[in-house]
Amino acid sequence: MSALIPVLPVHRFDEDRLRAYLADRIPGLGGIAVRQFQGGQSNPTFRLDTGAGSFVLRKKPPGPLLPSAHQVEREYRVIAALHGSAVPVPRAILLCEDPDIIGTAFYVMDCVDGRILERPELEGHTPADRSAVYDAMNTTLAALHSVDWAAAGLGGFGRTEHYLTRQIDRWTRQYRASVVGEADPVMEELIVWLTANTPADARITIAHGDFRLGNLLFAPEAPRVAAVLDWELSTLGDPLGDLAYCCLPYHLPAEMDGVKGLRGIDLAALGIPTEDEFVAAYCRRTGRDGIASWTFYLTFSLFRLAAILQGVHARAVQGNASNSNALEVGRRATLLARTAQGLALGPLALGQGH
């Protein structure tokens, strides 16, 4: 998984109080050693090594939070619902909503061994391995979107109407709430374009909200997804938002520090499917003939990610972001906004798609 570091000063909590709380709920807990996962920008995540085994704790960050953000309670609910399905997730252990224990709500789940493959070009892998990794990612996404969410007990997990309209409104508000200084005029332009080009309501599935290579834990010795991580943004919604978000590396430069892109790389030589091939495989697995308004979904996904990174920047200014490079990451919102602008104003903006 991601590198483990000592708990960052801003995220320290009363470990003795946590141990006492867990000792009543996890048999054989014994002592507890806490380290923090370095990586991710939202909910701080920790490894707990105990006499009963290793676990992972995710909590809300300290300090003032944006409305509807950092919903660890929702993460816990969806992970618990999906356990035992075709979607690999860690086993949920417990949820604590009492902020008096460690300062915020948190939950604990099993620690799953595996590899995080952060870079989309998969340096050091063979072409066959790369192809298998992308196929496993595609298979897992299709499996998620095929889950009967009502039968899984997720009725009420999200509203099922006007998903895209509500998403545009949500991320517009969150972007504007986290602006430091003047708003980016390109982001404001995108808000207008997205509002004017929103497709009609489509299928409703479980939507992960942050489905990408870096949020998949792969088995130690095989190109198989062992667990899907980071469910903070999950809801019921249009699955094509997940698919477009997963495809964003195809539209981002490969040779830029801090940007996980594939643009400019010889994909065939590396064994990585093209965007068209990846989308076609997803369509086969989910029974679709194709995807209309693909440019909208890509533009929306870039806009949403830019809004999220603006929030990262705002939290860094406040001093409570969960990653030490949050200031740098926040500045990447500009690149994302301009990439989205290029898509929206390009030849595909007239409604064509796959």
Protein backbone atom coordinates (compact mmCIF):
# COMPACT_ATOMS: atom_id res chain seq x y z
CA MET A 1 0.00 0.00 0.00
CA SER A 2 1.06 3.65 0.30
CA ALA A 3 4.10 4.50 2.40
CA LEU A 4 3.65 4.50 6.16
CA ILE A 5 4.93 7.45 8.15
CA PRO A 6 4.69 8.63 11.77
CA VAL A 7 1.37 10.33 12.44
CA LEU A 8 1.54 13.92 11.19
CA PRO A 9 1.36 16.49 14.01
CA VAL A 10 -1.89 17.98 12.71
CA HIS A 11 -3.53 14.52 12.73
CA ARG A 12 -2.41 13.23 16.11
CA PHE A 13 -5.08 11.93 18.46
CA ASP A 14 -5.31 10.23 21.84
CA GLU A 15 -4.05 6.74 21.03
CA ASP A 16 -4.69 5.47 24.56
CA ARG A 17 -8.32 6.53 24.32
CA LEU A 18 -8.62 4.80 20.95
CA ARG A 19 -7.08 1.60 22.34
CA ALA A 20 -9.49 1.60 25.28
CA TYR A 21 -12.45 2.10 22.92
CA LEU A 22 -11.37 -0.67 20.54
CA ALA A 23 -10.43 -3.09 23.33
CA ASP A 24 -14.12 -3.38 24.23
CA ARG A 25 -15.04 -4.15 20.62
CA ILE A 26 -12.18 -6.17 19.10
CA PRO A 27 -11.30 -9.34 21.08
CA GLY A 28 -7.61 -9.83 21.77
CA LEU A 29 -6.65 -6.31 20.78
CA GLY A 30 -3.78 -5.93 23.22
CA GLY A 31 -1.37 -3.11 22.45
CA ILE A 32 -1.74 -0.85 19.44
CA ALA A 33 0.82 0.84 17.17
CA VAL A 34 -0.43 3.64 14.93
CA ARG A 35 1.17 4.84 11.70
CA GLN A 36 -0.26 7.06 8.98
CA PHE A 37 -0.57 6.30 5.29
CA GLN A 38 1.11 9.04 3.26
CA GLY A 39 -1.02 9.71 0.22
CA GLY A 40 -4.52 10.87 -0.56
CA GLN A 41 -5.82 14.34 0.09
CA SER A 42 -8.99 13.95 2.08
CA ASN A 43 -9.72 11.64 5.01
CA PRO A 44 -6.57 10.82 7.03
CA THR A 45 -5.92 7.07 7.04
CA PHE A 46 -3.92 5.06 9.57
CA ARG A 47 -2.64 1.51 10.00
CA LEU A 48 -3.28 -0.05 13.39
CA ASP A 49 -1.05 -2.98 14.30
CA THR A 50 -2.53 -4.83 17.26
CA GLY A 51 -2.50 -8.18 19.01
CA ALA A 52 -5.64 -9.08 17.07
CA GLY A 53 -4.09 -8.30 13.68
CA SER A 54 -3.72 -5.25 11.48
CA PHE A 55 -6.53 -2.85 10.72
CA VAL A 56 -7.05 0.42 8.87
CA LEU A 57 -8.69 3.47 10.46
CA ARG A 58 -10.12 6.33 8.42
CA LYS A 59 -11.31 9.52 10.07
CA LYS A 60 -12.47 12.97 9.18
CA PRO A 61 -9.74 15.62 9.15
CA PRO A 62 -9.61 18.19 11.94
CA GLY A 63 -10.76 21.76 11.57
CA PRO A 64 -13.64 23.36 9.65
CA LEU A 65 -14.93 21.17 6.81
CA LEU A 66 -16.78 21.95 3.60
CA PRO A 67 -20.48 21.05 3.56
CA SER A 68 -21.16 17.36 2.76
CA ALA A 69 -17.45 16.52 2.56
CA HIS A 70 -15.49 13.81 4.42
CA GLN A 71 -18.45 11.52 4.97
CA VAL A 72 -16.73 8.55 6.62
CA GLU A 73 -20.12 7.32 7.76
CA ARG A 74 -21.13 6.83 4.12
CA GLU A 75 -17.86 5.08 3.35
CA TYR A 76 -18.53 2.60 6.11
CA ARG A 77 -22.08 1.95 4.94
CA VAL A 78 -21.17 1.17 1.33
CA ILE A 79 -18.18 -1.00 2.25
CA ALA A 80 -20.34 -3.00 4.64
CA ALA A 81 -23.03 -3.39 1.96
CA LEU A 82 -20.60 -4.56 -0.74
CA HIS A 83 -18.72 -7.11 1.37
CA GLY A 84 -19.25 -10.52 -0.20
CA SER A 85 -20.27 -9.10 -3.60
CA ALA A 86 -18.28 -9.25 -6.86
CA VAL A 87 -16.71 -5.93 -5.85
CA PRO A 88 -13.67 -6.57 -3.61
CA VAL A 89 -13.72 -4.41 -0.48
CA PRO A 90 -12.13 -4.71 2.98
CA ARG A 91 -14.33 -6.12 5.74
CA ALA A 92 -15.89 -3.29 7.74
CA ILE A 93 -15.28 -3.73 11.49
CA LEU A 94 -16.95 -0.80 13.23
CA LEU A 95 -18.07 2.81 12.87
CA CYS A 96 -17.66 5.36 15.67
CA GLU A 97 -19.61 8.59 15.30
CA ASP A 98 -18.65 9.90 18.75
CA PRO A 99 -16.14 12.76 18.27
CA ASP A 100 -15.05 12.47 21.90
CA ILE A 101 -12.97 9.35 21.19
CA ILE A 102 -10.35 10.73 18.77
CA GLY A 103 -11.79 14.12 17.85
CA THR A 104 -13.84 13.15 14.79
CA ALA A 105 -15.98 10.30 13.52
CA PHE A 106 -13.99 7.32 12.21
CA TYR A 107 -14.33 3.74 11.10
CA VAL A 108 -12.13 0.65 11.21
CA MET A 109 -11.79 -2.03 8.54
CA ASP A 110 -9.55 -4.98 7.83
CA CYS A 111 -6.09 -4.24 6.44
CA VAL A 112 -5.79 -5.92 3.02
CA ASP A 113 -2.29 -6.67 1.74
CA GLY A 114 -1.54 -5.56 -1.78
CA ARG A 115 0.02 -3.04 -4.13
CA ILE A 116 -1.02 0.47 -5.07
CA LEU A 117 -0.12 1.18 -8.70
CA GLU A 118 -0.11 4.96 -8.70
CA ARG A 119 1.24 5.77 -12.16
CA PRO A 120 -0.99 4.98 -15.16
CA GLU A 121 1.94 4.11 -17.42
CA LEU A 122 2.87 1.28 -15.00
CA GLU A 123 6.61 1.70 -15.35
CA GLY A 124 8.54 -1.53 -14.78
CA HIS A 125 5.68 -3.77 -15.88
CA THR A 126 5.53 -5.88 -19.03
CA PRO A 127 3.01 -5.08 -21.77
CA ALA A 128 1.06 -8.21 -20.81
CA ASP A 129 0.93 -7.12 -17.16
CA ARG A 130 -0.20 -3.62 -18.11
CA SER A 131 -2.96 -5.01 -20.28
CA ALA A 132 -4.08 -7.31 -17.46
CA VAL A 133 -4.08 -4.48 -14.90
CA TYR A 134 -6.26 -2.28 -17.10
CA ASP A 135 -8.57 -5.21 -17.83
CA ALA A 136 -8.91 -5.91 -14.10
CA MET A 137 -9.70 -2.25 -13.45
CA ASN A 138 -12.32 -2.30 -16.19
CA THR A 139 -13.84 -5.55 -14.92
CA THR A 140 -14.07 -4.19 -11.37
CA LEU A 141 -15.74 -0.97 -12.49
CA ALA A 142 -18.28 -2.90 -14.54
CA ALA A 143 -18.93 -5.21 -11.58
CA LEU A 144 -19.58 -2.24 -9.31
CA HIS A 145 -22.06 -0.74 -11.74
CA SER A 146 -23.82 -4.11 -12.04
CA VAL A 147 -24.55 -4.46 -8.31
CA ASP A 148 -28.24 -4.42 -7.39
CA TRP A 149 -27.95 -1.52 -4.96
CA ALA A 150 -31.46 -1.95 -3.55
CA ALA A 151 -30.88 -5.63 -2.79
CA ALA A 152 -27.55 -4.69 -1.19
CA GLY A 153 -29.37 -2.51 1.32
CA LEU A 154 -28.38 0.82 -0.19
CA GLY A 155 -31.83 2.23 -0.76
CA GLY A 156 -31.69 5.86 0.32
CA PHE A 157 -27.90 5.97 -0.13
CA GLY A 158 -28.45 8.71 -2.69
CA ARG A 159 -31.24 10.40 -4.57
CA THR A 160 -31.97 8.75 -7.90
CA GLU A 161 -33.20 11.72 -9.91
CA HIS A 162 -31.36 14.67 -11.53
CA TYR A 163 -27.98 13.29 -10.45
CA LEU A 164 -25.87 15.29 -12.89
CA THR A 165 -27.69 18.54 -12.22
CA ARG A 166 -27.21 18.07 -8.48
CA GLN A 167 -23.55 17.16 -8.97
CA ILE A 168 -22.84 20.30 -10.98
CA ASP A 169 -24.55 22.35 -8.29
CA ARG A 170 -22.65 20.59 -5.50
CA TRP A 171 -19.20 21.01 -7.01
CA THR A 172 -19.95 24.57 -8.06
CA ARG A 173 -20.78 25.41 -4.46
CA GLN A 174 -17.80 23.52 -3.08
CA TYR A 175 -15.45 25.16 -5.57
CA ARG A 176 -16.70 28.64 -4.75
CA ALA A 177 -16.60 27.92 -1.01
CA SER A 178 -12.91 26.97 -1.24
CA VAL A 179 -11.62 29.73 -3.51
CA VAL A 180 -8.60 31.47 -2.03
CA GLY A 181 -8.36 34.88 -3.63
CA GLU A 182 -10.15 35.41 -6.95
CA ALA A 183 -12.20 32.71 -8.67
CA ASP A 184 -10.78 31.17 -11.87
CA PRO A 185 -12.80 32.58 -14.80
CA VAL A 186 -12.30 29.30 -16.69
CA MET A 187 -14.05 27.41 -13.89
CA GLU A 188 -16.93 29.86 -14.06
CA GLU A 189 -17.09 29.35 -17.84
CA LEU A 190 -17.20 25.58 -17.35
CA ILE A 191 -20.07 25.91 -14.89
CA VAL A 192 -22.11 27.68 -17.57
CA TRP A 193 -21.20 25.11 -20.25
CA LEU A 194 -21.94 22.09 -18.08
CA THR A 195 -25.29 23.50 -17.02
CA ALA A 196 -26.26 24.09 -20.66
CA ASN A 197 -25.10 20.66 -21.87
CA THR A 198 -26.29 18.31 -19.12
CA PRO A 199 -27.65 15.02 -20.56
CA ALA A 200 -30.99 13.68 -19.46
CA ASP A 201 -31.11 11.27 -16.52
CA ALA A 202 -29.66 7.86 -17.36
CA ARG A 203 -29.05 4.61 -15.49
CA ILE A 204 -28.59 4.77 -11.75
CA THR A 205 -26.00 2.52 -10.10
CA ILE A 206 -23.63 2.69 -7.16
CA ALA A 207 -21.16 5.38 -8.17
CA HIS A 208 -17.75 5.26 -6.47
CA GLY A 209 -16.95 8.90 -7.18
CA ASP A 210 -13.15 8.49 -7.20
CA PHE A 211 -12.59 5.35 -9.24
CA ARG A 212 -9.03 5.35 -10.56
CA LEU A 213 -5.95 3.19 -10.63
CA GLY A 214 -4.52 4.72 -7.45
CA ASN A 215 -7.62 3.76 -5.45
CA LEU A 216 -7.33 0.08 -6.34
CA LEU A 217 -5.33 -2.32 -4.22
CA PHE A 218 -3.88 -5.07 -6.40
CA ALA A 219 -2.96 -8.53 -5.16
CA PRO A 220 0.75 -8.80 -4.25
CA GLU A 221 1.70 -11.17 -7.06
CA ALA A 222 -1.08 -10.94 -9.64
CA PRO A 223 -2.91 -8.29 -11.73
CA ARG A 224 -6.08 -8.82 -9.71
CA VAL A 225 -7.96 -6.15 -7.74
CA ALA A 226 -7.86 -7.16 -4.07
CA ALA A 227 -9.82 -4.16 -2.76
CA VAL A 228 -11.41 -0.94 -3.96
CA LEU A 229 -10.49 1.89 -1.58
CA ASP A 230 -11.57 5.47 -0.74
CA TRP A 231 -15.38 5.43 -0.92
CA GLU A 232 -15.85 8.92 0.51
CA LEU A 233 -17.58 10.28 -2.61
CA SER A 234 -19.76 7.23 -3.27
CA THR A 235 -23.47 7.60 -3.85
CA LEU A 236 -26.21 6.44 -6.20
CA GLY A 237 -25.76 8.10 -9.54
CA ASP A 238 -24.82 8.00 -13.20
CA PRO A 239 -22.10 5.36 -13.66
CA LEU A 240 -20.64 7.19 -16.65
CA GLY A 241 -19.19 9.74 -14.27
CA ASP A 242 -17.02 6.96 -12.81
CA LEU A 243 -16.03 5.75 -16.27
CA ALA A 244 -15.06 9.22 -17.48
CA TYR A 245 -13.11 9.95 -14.32
CA CYS A 246 -11.24 6.66 -14.74
CA CYS A 247 -10.36 7.77 -18.30
CA LEU A 248 -8.98 11.21 -17.38
CA PRO A 249 -5.30 10.10 -17.67
CA TYR A 250 -5.85 9.77 -21.42
CA HIS A 251 -6.40 13.54 -21.53
CA LEU A 252 -3.60 14.67 -19.22
CA PRO A 253 0.08 15.06 -20.13
CA ALA A 254 2.47 12.26 -19.26
CA GLU A 255 5.57 14.43 -18.98
CA MET A 256 4.48 16.83 -16.26
CA ASP A 257 5.56 16.48 -12.65
CA GLY A 258 2.75 15.53 -10.32
CA VAL A 259 0.26 14.82 -13.12
CA LYS A 260 -0.73 11.21 -13.70
CA GLY A 261 -1.39 11.36 -17.41
CA LEU A 262 -0.99 9.19 -20.49
CA ARG A 263 -1.19 11.81 -23.24
CA GLY A 264 1.84 11.62 -25.48
CA ILE A 265 2.72 8.00 -24.65
CA ASP A 266 2.79 5.15 -27.19
CA LEU A 267 0.04 3.11 -25.55
CA ALA A 268 0.22 0.18 -27.96
CA ALA A 269 3.93 -0.32 -27.27
CA LEU A 270 3.23 -0.43 -23.53
CA GLY A 271 0.25 -2.77 -23.78
CA ILE A 272 -2.17 -0.16 -22.43
CA PRO A 273 -5.59 0.01 -24.13
CA THR A 274 -6.63 3.21 -25.84
CA GLU A 275 -9.51 5.18 -24.38
CA ASP A 276 -11.81 3.87 -27.12
CA GLU A 277 -10.78 0.28 -26.33
CA PHE A 278 -11.26 0.78 -22.58
CA VAL A 279 -14.70 2.32 -23.06
CA ALA A 280 -15.72 -0.41 -25.52
CA ALA A 281 -14.73 -3.12 -23.03
CA TYR A 282 -16.79 -1.44 -20.31
CA CYS A 283 -19.77 -1.19 -22.66
CA ARG A 284 -19.53 -4.91 -23.48
CA ARG A 285 -19.46 -5.79 -19.79
CA THR A 286 -22.40 -3.57 -18.88
CA GLY A 287 -24.60 -4.21 -21.91
CA ARG A 288 -24.29 -0.80 -23.53
CA ASP A 289 -24.30 -0.15 -27.28
CA GLY A 290 -22.21 2.99 -26.82
CA ILE A 291 -22.07 6.27 -24.95
CA ALA A 292 -23.58 9.55 -26.07
CA SER A 293 -22.39 12.89 -24.65
CA TRP A 294 -18.99 11.42 -23.77
CA THR A 295 -17.41 14.88 -23.93
CA PHE A 296 -19.81 16.12 -21.29
CA TYR A 297 -18.80 13.35 -18.88
CA LEU A 298 -15.09 14.00 -19.43
CA THR A 299 -15.53 17.76 -19.02
CA PHE A 300 -17.61 17.29 -15.90
CA SER A 301 -15.05 14.90 -14.41
CA LEU A 302 -12.21 17.37 -15.02
CA PHE A 303 -14.26 20.21 -13.54
CA ARG A 304 -15.18 18.16 -10.49
CA LEU A 305 -11.57 17.11 -9.89
CA ALA A 306 -10.45 20.73 -10.24
CA ALA A 307 -13.03 21.68 -7.60
CA ILE A 308 -11.78 18.91 -5.31
CA LEU A 309 -8.17 20.06 -5.69
CA GLN A 310 -9.22 23.61 -4.95
CA GLY A 311 -10.60 22.25 -1.68
CA VAL A 312 -7.26 20.54 -1.04
CA HIS A 313 -5.55 23.88 -1.52
CA ALA A 314 -7.98 25.57 0.87
CA ARG A 315 -7.36 22.92 3.55
CA ALA A 316 -3.61 23.31 3.09
CA VAL A 317 -3.94 27.03 3.71
CA GLN A 318 -5.89 26.18 6.87
CA GLY A 319 -3.15 23.69 7.82
CA ASN A 320 -5.22 20.49 8.03
CA ALA A 321 -4.75 18.72 4.69
CA SER A 322 -3.84 15.04 5.00
CA ASN A 323 -0.95 15.14 2.52
CA SER A 324 2.20 17.19 2.95
CA ASN A 325 2.24 18.27 -0.72
CA ALA A 326 -1.32 19.58 -0.65
CA LEU A 327 -0.36 23.12 -1.64
CA GLU A 328 1.30 21.89 -4.82
CA VAL A 329 -1.61 19.58 -5.62
CA GLY A 330 -4.11 22.38 -5.17
CA ARG A 331 -2.41 24.41 -7.89
CA ARG A 332 -3.03 21.63 -10.41
CA ALA A 333 -6.67 22.67 -10.52
CA THR A 334 -5.67 25.23 -13.14
CA LEU A 335 -4.37 22.54 -15.51
CA LEU A 336 -7.54 20.49 -15.09
CA ALA A 337 -9.80 23.47 -15.71
CA ARG A 338 -7.99 24.38 -18.92
CA THR A 339 -8.02 20.78 -20.13
CA ALA A 340 -11.78 20.72 -19.56
CA GLN A 341 -12.13 24.03 -21.37
CA GLY A 342 -10.30 22.57 -24.37
CA LEU A 343 -12.62 19.58 -24.49
CA ALA A 344 -15.80 21.61 -24.08
CA LEU A 345 -14.88 24.07 -26.82
CA GLY A 346 -13.42 21.47 -29.19
CA PRO A 347 -15.13 19.63 -32.09
CA LEU A 348 -16.71 17.02 -29.81
CA ALA A 349 -18.56 19.68 -27.82
CA LEU A 350 -21.44 19.60 -30.28
CA GLY A 351 -22.84 16.40 -28.81
CA GLN A 352 -20.86 13.68 -30.60
CA GLY A 353 -19.37 10.89 -28.59
CA HIS A 354 -18.51 7.22 -28.69
